[in-house]
Protein backbone atom coordinates (compact mmCIF):
# COMPACT_ATOMS: atom_id res chain seq x y z
CA MET A 1 24.15 -27.60 6.16
CA SER A 2 22.58 -28.12 2.74
CA ILE A 3 19.51 -29.66 4.41
CA ILE A 4 19.03 -26.57 6.60
CA PHE A 5 19.42 -24.37 3.54
CA LEU A 6 16.78 -26.28 1.58
CA ARG A 7 14.40 -26.36 4.54
CA THR A 8 14.76 -22.60 4.99
CA ILE A 9 14.09 -21.88 1.29
CA LEU A 10 11.07 -24.19 1.26
CA LEU A 11 9.58 -22.59 4.37
CA TYR A 12 10.23 -19.14 2.91
CA ILE A 13 8.23 -20.09 -0.20
CA VAL A 14 5.43 -21.48 1.97
CA ILE A 15 5.24 -18.27 4.04
CA VAL A 16 5.26 -15.99 0.98
CA PHE A 17 2.51 -18.07 -0.60
CA SER A 18 0.51 -17.97 2.63
CA LEU A 19 0.78 -14.20 2.93
CA ARG A 20 -0.25 -13.82 -0.71
CA VAL A 21 -3.36 -15.87 0.01
CA MET A 22 -4.16 -13.63 2.97
CA GLY A 23 -3.89 -10.53 0.76
CA LYS A 24 -1.58 -7.56 0.19
CA ARG A 25 -1.43 -5.32 3.24
CA GLN A 26 1.12 -3.33 5.14
CA ILE A 27 1.72 -4.04 8.81
CA GLY A 28 -0.23 -0.92 9.86
CA GLU A 29 -3.25 -2.05 7.83
CA LEU A 30 -3.57 -5.55 9.31
CA SER A 31 -6.71 -6.43 11.18
CA PRO A 32 -6.27 -7.98 14.67
CA THR A 33 -6.74 -11.53 13.33
CA GLU A 34 -4.31 -10.97 10.45
CA PHE A 35 -1.72 -9.47 12.78
CA VAL A 36 -1.94 -12.38 15.24
CA ILE A 37 -1.76 -15.00 12.48
CA THR A 38 1.22 -13.25 10.88
CA ILE A 39 3.10 -13.40 14.19
CA LEU A 40 2.16 -17.05 14.73
CA ILE A 41 3.27 -18.01 11.22
CA SER A 42 6.65 -16.35 11.71
CA ASN A 43 7.17 -18.15 15.04
CA ILE A 44 6.04 -21.54 13.71
CA ALA A 45 8.32 -21.26 10.68
CA THR A 46 11.41 -20.86 12.86
CA LEU A 47 10.86 -24.17 14.67
CA PRO A 48 11.78 -26.56 11.79
CA ILE A 49 14.68 -24.25 10.84
CA GLU A 50 16.22 -24.20 14.32
CA ASP A 51 15.60 -27.90 15.00
CA SER A 52 16.51 -30.08 12.01
CA ASN A 53 15.08 -33.12 13.81
CA LEU A 54 11.56 -31.75 13.39
CA PRO A 55 9.89 -32.75 10.11
CA LEU A 56 8.94 -29.96 7.72
CA THR A 57 5.31 -30.95 8.09
CA ALA A 58 5.52 -29.75 11.71
CA GLY A 59 5.81 -26.23 10.30
CA ILE A 60 3.94 -26.43 7.00
CA ILE A 61 0.71 -28.00 8.31
CA PRO A 62 0.18 -25.44 11.13
CA ILE A 63 0.93 -22.59 8.72
CA PHE A 64 -1.62 -23.77 6.15
CA THR A 65 -4.11 -24.39 8.97
CA LEU A 66 -3.76 -20.81 10.20
CA VAL A 67 -4.08 -19.43 6.67
CA ALA A 68 -7.21 -21.50 6.05
CA PHE A 69 -8.64 -20.25 9.35
CA GLU A 70 -7.90 -16.64 8.35
CA VAL A 71 -9.58 -17.10 4.97
CA ILE A 72 -12.69 -18.53 6.67
CA ILE A 73 -12.77 -15.68 9.20
CA SER A 74 -12.39 -13.12 6.39
CA ALA A 75 -15.30 -14.69 4.50
CA LEU A 76 -17.48 -14.57 7.63
CA ILE A 77 -16.51 -10.93 8.23
CA LEU A 78 -17.56 -10.04 4.68
CA LYS A 79 -20.89 -11.80 5.08
CA PHE A 80 -21.89 -10.87 8.62
CA ASP A 81 -21.58 -7.34 10.01
CA CYS A 82 -21.81 -8.58 13.58
CA MET A 83 -18.77 -10.79 12.96
CA ARG A 84 -16.86 -7.80 11.59
CA ARG A 85 -17.67 -5.70 14.64
CA LEU A 86 -16.69 -8.56 16.95
CA VAL A 87 -13.34 -9.29 15.29
CA SER A 88 -12.26 -5.92 13.86
CA GLY A 89 -14.27 -3.48 15.93
CA SER A 90 -15.86 -0.38 14.42
CA PRO A 91 -14.65 3.15 13.56
CA ARG A 92 -14.94 5.70 16.39
CA VAL A 93 -15.52 9.43 16.01
CA VAL A 94 -13.08 11.24 18.31
CA ILE A 95 -13.59 14.81 17.01
CA ARG A 96 -16.86 16.30 15.78
CA ASP A 97 -17.14 19.93 14.65
CA GLY A 98 -13.86 20.81 16.34
CA VAL A 99 -14.89 19.27 19.71
CA ILE A 100 -12.91 16.33 21.11
CA ASN A 101 -14.91 13.38 22.38
CA GLN A 102 -12.99 12.70 25.57
CA ARG A 103 -15.06 9.63 26.42
CA GLU A 104 -14.09 7.94 23.14
CA LEU A 105 -10.46 8.79 23.73
CA ARG A 106 -10.58 7.02 27.08
CA ARG A 107 -12.33 4.00 25.56
CA LEU A 108 -9.67 3.76 22.87
CA ARG A 109 -6.91 4.47 25.41
CA LEU A 110 -5.67 7.16 23.04
CA SER A 111 -3.79 10.01 24.68
CA LEU A 112 -4.29 13.61 23.66
CA GLU A 113 -0.66 13.79 22.56
CA ASP A 114 -1.14 10.80 20.24
CA LEU A 115 -4.28 12.37 18.78
CA ILE A 116 -2.55 15.69 18.09
CA GLU A 117 0.44 13.88 16.59
CA GLN A 118 -1.79 11.97 14.16
CA LEU A 119 -3.58 15.18 13.25
CA ARG A 120 -0.26 16.82 12.42
CA THR A 121 0.72 13.80 10.35
CA GLY A 122 -2.48 14.32 8.36
CA GLY A 123 -1.57 17.97 7.76
CA CYS A 124 -3.94 19.48 10.32
CA PHE A 125 -2.46 21.62 13.10
CA ASN A 126 -5.63 23.19 14.50
CA ILE A 127 -8.32 21.06 16.11
CA ALA A 128 -10.88 23.79 15.42
CA ASP A 129 -10.41 23.13 11.68
CA VAL A 130 -11.56 19.50 12.01
CA ALA A 131 -15.11 18.63 11.05
CA PHE A 132 -14.68 14.90 11.76
CA ALA A 133 -11.79 12.78 12.97
CA ILE A 134 -12.39 9.05 12.97
CA VAL A 135 -10.18 6.31 14.39
CA GLU A 136 -10.43 3.44 11.90
CA THR A 137 -10.35 -0.24 12.81
CA THR A 138 -6.66 -0.34 11.80
CA GLY A 139 -5.88 2.36 14.38
CA GLN A 140 -5.24 5.05 11.77
CA LEU A 141 -6.87 8.46 12.07
CA SER A 142 -9.00 9.76 9.18
CA VAL A 143 -9.47 13.54 9.19
CA TYR A 144 -12.16 15.50 7.35
CA GLN A 145 -11.49 19.21 7.62
CA LYS A 146 -14.02 22.01 7.64
CA PHE A 147 -14.69 23.76 4.35
CA SER A 148 -12.78 26.89 5.36
CA ALA A 149 -9.64 24.84 6.10
CA ARG A 150 -9.62 22.59 3.04
CA THR A 151 -7.02 22.92 0.33
CA ALA A 152 -8.31 24.57 -2.82
CA THR A 153 -8.89 22.18 -5.74
CA ASN A 154 -8.88 22.76 -9.48
CA SER A 155 -12.63 22.17 -9.65
CA GLY A 156 -13.19 24.59 -6.77
CA LEU A 157 -11.21 27.24 -8.63
CA GLY A 158 -13.18 26.58 -11.81
CA LEU A 159 -10.13 25.48 -13.83
CA SER A 160 -10.71 23.47 -16.98
CA PRO A 161 -8.60 20.30 -17.01
CA PRO A 162 -6.53 19.34 -20.07
CA SER A 163 -7.52 16.25 -22.01
CA SER A 164 -4.74 14.18 -20.41
CA ALA A 165 -5.32 15.35 -16.83
CA ASP A 166 -6.71 12.00 -15.64
CA ALA A 167 -4.04 9.94 -17.39
CA PRO A 168 -0.81 9.91 -15.36
CA PRO A 169 2.57 9.51 -17.09
CA ALA A 170 3.65 5.95 -17.75
CA VAL A 171 7.13 4.46 -17.90
CA ILE A 172 8.04 3.95 -21.56
CA ILE A 173 11.64 2.80 -21.08
CA SER A 174 13.06 1.43 -17.85
CA ASP A 175 16.82 0.81 -17.67
CA GLY A 176 17.06 0.31 -21.42
CA LYS A 177 14.00 -1.95 -21.68
CA LEU A 178 10.99 -0.84 -23.72
CA GLN A 179 7.57 -1.18 -22.04
CA LYS A 180 5.28 -1.87 -25.01
CA ASP A 181 2.11 -1.79 -22.89
CA SER A 182 2.94 1.72 -21.70
CA LEU A 183 3.51 2.89 -25.25
CA GLN A 184 0.09 1.56 -26.19
CA TYR A 185 -1.44 3.17 -23.08
CA CYS A 186 -0.18 6.57 -24.27
CA ASN A 187 -1.73 5.97 -27.72
CA LEU A 188 1.71 6.30 -29.31
CA ARG A 189 3.45 4.23 -31.94
CA ARG A 190 6.98 2.90 -32.15
CA GLU A 191 7.72 5.33 -34.97
CA TRP A 192 7.13 8.25 -32.60
CA LEU A 193 9.51 6.76 -30.04
CA ASP A 194 12.21 6.14 -32.66
CA LYS A 195 11.91 9.77 -33.78
CA VAL A 196 12.30 11.07 -30.22
CA LEU A 197 15.33 8.86 -29.59
CA ALA A 198 16.88 10.01 -32.86
CA GLU A 199 16.45 13.64 -31.79
CA HIS A 200 18.41 12.86 -28.62
CA HIS A 201 21.02 10.83 -30.60
CA CYS A 202 20.51 7.71 -28.51
CA ARG A 203 19.01 4.25 -28.55
CA ALA A 204 16.55 2.62 -26.17
CA GLN A 205 19.47 0.75 -24.56
CA ASP A 206 21.05 4.12 -23.65
CA VAL A 207 17.98 5.35 -21.75
CA PHE A 208 17.81 4.92 -17.98
CA LEU A 209 14.24 6.22 -17.66
CA MET A 210 11.65 7.64 -20.02
CA THR A 211 8.13 8.58 -19.00
CA CYS A 212 5.35 9.98 -21.16
CA ASP A 213 1.68 10.92 -20.91
CA ARG A 214 -1.13 10.83 -23.45
CA ALA A 215 -0.34 14.36 -24.56
CA ALA A 216 3.04 13.05 -25.76
CA SER A 217 4.84 15.11 -23.11
CA TYR A 218 7.85 13.07 -22.10
CA THR A 219 10.81 13.07 -19.71
CA LEU A 220 13.99 11.29 -20.77
CA VAL A 221 16.94 10.42 -18.54
CA LEU A 222 20.02 8.86 -20.14
CA LYS A 223 22.26 6.35 -18.42
CA GLU A 224 25.44 7.57 -16.78
CA GLY A 225 28.14 8.09 -19.35
CA ARG A 226 25.57 8.98 -22.02
CA GLN A 227 24.39 12.23 -20.42
CA LYS A 228 25.43 15.42 -22.18
């Protein structure tokens, strides 16, 4: 039993390392080659776990071989556009100026119901409001709405942004632990933090979450039992 446990842990580490080499992506963002290799790796890894008579190398070597193949393919895709089109395909315009390209829908084998569903997911409920809708190589739909249907922005309304508008709040304290890098990011000193904690009659260990931006505007949440 201990041998199976150790083999499983070792193969788990190998798979995690392999996926890290391939890059960080969600399942919906995988290219066809990445998706196929991910499935193959998962199937290969189960063989030495289910059959203890198989050596670990029977799983590790094929996994590393597939990862190396994926890295080579990715390098070729980056270098040669023709290789990218062959392996990953190319984006397809399915709506232009509010008009659906029915021929492209048939080529992609994308039903009208699926198209409308993806439009709704993107916050667009009227096809006439779409300037361009493009099916990406990952299968996701990118929607660019017409000017009249776009959401108003601060720049469009002529609003002047505050000095800290482009600096999102950072976590200063997380579950009682001080994040020194975040404090430095906000251009604040430890003396400021100590003063704020003193005003709330608490210590850093009593704080569940504290966020702050560069304008020194903070949100503080105490741990349960410490809340007033």
